[in-house]
Amino acid sequence: MIFYNIRHAKEFFSELSKCTGRIDIVSSDGSIEVLKAASEPLADDKWNDCDEAINQMELKFHSPEDLVEMLMYITNRRSYGKFSLKLNELEIAS
């Protein structure tokens, strides 16, 4: 999933740290690094002090529940009823 215009980066990373599954970050050249291991804090503490806006960030969620939680976060916890997503061959139904 690609996130754009993350204006409150510290808050965003705080939400990511609540995720329970593994999260990978994808660089602009396509290389993948572990941002957060399953049931561990964020891989790099520098993210916790990030006060600047982030234009674009691609993340790969290994837990469907974490992906749904981040979708709820970016939509301000609004409920849109039942929905179904298919992202990178991962199907999620709510």
Protein backbone atom coordinates (compact mmCIF):
# COMPACT_ATOMS: atom_id res chain seq x y z
CA MET A 1 0.00 0.00 0.00
CA ILE A 2 1.34 3.43 -0.88
CA PHE A 3 0.66 6.29 1.49
CA TYR A 4 0.85 9.87 0.21
CA ASN A 5 1.16 13.23 2.00
CA ILE A 6 1.71 11.98 5.53
CA ARG A 7 1.55 15.31 7.34
CA HIS A 8 1.69 14.05 10.92
CA ALA A 9 4.50 11.53 10.60
CA LYS A 10 5.01 11.07 14.34
CA GLU A 11 1.34 10.16 14.79
CA PHE A 12 1.45 7.90 11.72
CA PHE A 13 4.44 5.95 13.07
CA SER A 14 2.77 5.75 16.46
CA GLU A 15 -0.18 4.01 14.76
CA LEU A 16 2.19 1.70 12.87
CA SER A 17 3.86 0.71 16.14
CA LYS A 18 0.47 -0.62 17.35
CA CYS A 19 0.38 -3.15 14.52
CA THR A 20 1.06 -6.74 15.55
CA GLY A 21 2.31 -8.22 12.27
CA ARG A 22 5.38 -7.65 10.16
CA ILE A 23 5.52 -4.49 8.04
CA ASP A 24 8.04 -3.99 5.25
CA ILE A 25 9.04 -0.69 3.69
CA VAL A 26 9.65 -0.60 -0.06
CA SER A 27 12.28 1.87 -1.31
CA SER A 28 12.02 3.81 -4.56
CA ASP A 29 14.34 1.28 -6.24
CA GLY A 30 12.07 -1.61 -5.20
CA SER A 31 14.24 -3.06 -2.46
CA ILE A 32 12.38 -4.24 0.63
CA GLU A 33 13.46 -3.88 4.25
CA VAL A 34 11.72 -4.90 7.44
CA LEU A 35 10.30 -1.79 9.09
CA LYS A 36 8.65 -3.67 11.94
CA ALA A 37 8.96 -7.34 12.83
CA ALA A 38 5.89 -9.19 14.08
CA SER A 39 5.12 -8.38 17.73
CA GLU A 40 8.17 -6.07 17.91
CA PRO A 41 8.49 -2.28 18.00
CA LEU A 42 9.46 -0.35 14.89
CA ALA A 43 12.81 -1.48 13.50
CA ASP A 44 14.37 1.98 13.70
CA ASP A 45 13.77 4.49 16.49
CA LYS A 46 14.54 7.41 14.16
CA TRP A 47 10.97 7.11 12.83
CA ASN A 48 9.60 7.98 16.27
CA ASP A 49 11.26 11.42 16.14
CA CYS A 50 10.21 12.24 12.57
CA ASP A 51 8.42 15.60 12.61
CA GLU A 52 8.57 16.31 8.89
CA ALA A 53 5.87 15.47 6.38
CA ILE A 54 6.45 12.48 4.15
CA ASN A 55 5.43 12.78 0.50
CA GLN A 56 5.21 9.08 -0.28
CA MET A 57 5.83 5.80 1.52
CA GLU A 58 5.13 2.27 0.30
CA LEU A 59 4.48 -0.34 2.98
CA LYS A 60 3.75 -4.04 2.73
CA PHE A 61 1.55 -5.42 5.51
CA HIS A 62 1.80 -9.12 6.30
CA SER A 63 -1.26 -9.04 8.55
CA PRO A 64 -4.67 -8.29 7.03
CA GLU A 65 -5.83 -6.97 10.41
CA ASP A 66 -3.01 -4.41 10.47
CA LEU A 67 -3.90 -3.26 6.97
CA VAL A 68 -7.53 -2.78 7.97
CA GLU A 69 -6.47 -0.87 11.10
CA MET A 70 -4.30 1.49 9.04
CA LEU A 71 -7.11 1.98 6.53
CA MET A 72 -9.39 2.90 9.43
CA TYR A 73 -6.72 5.28 10.75
CA ILE A 74 -6.27 7.12 7.45
CA THR A 75 -10.04 7.44 7.05
CA ASN A 76 -10.37 8.85 10.58
CA ARG A 77 -12.01 5.66 11.87
CA ARG A 78 -15.06 6.16 9.68
CA SER A 79 -17.13 3.09 9.03
CA TYR A 80 -18.21 2.52 5.46
CA GLY A 81 -20.10 -0.67 6.17
CA LYS A 82 -19.02 -3.92 4.64
CA PHE A 83 -16.18 -3.69 2.16
CA SER A 84 -13.90 -5.97 0.27
CA LEU A 85 -10.37 -5.22 -0.89
CA LYS A 86 -7.94 -7.01 -3.11
CA LEU A 87 -4.43 -5.63 -2.75
CA ASN A 88 -1.38 -7.44 -4.10
CA GLU A 89 -3.27 -10.76 -4.17
CA LEU A 90 -4.35 -10.33 -0.54
CA GLU A 91 -8.11 -10.39 -0.17
CA ILE A 92 -9.73 -8.76 2.83
CA ALA A 93 -13.40 -8.76 3.65
CA SER A 94 -15.06 -6.85 6.42
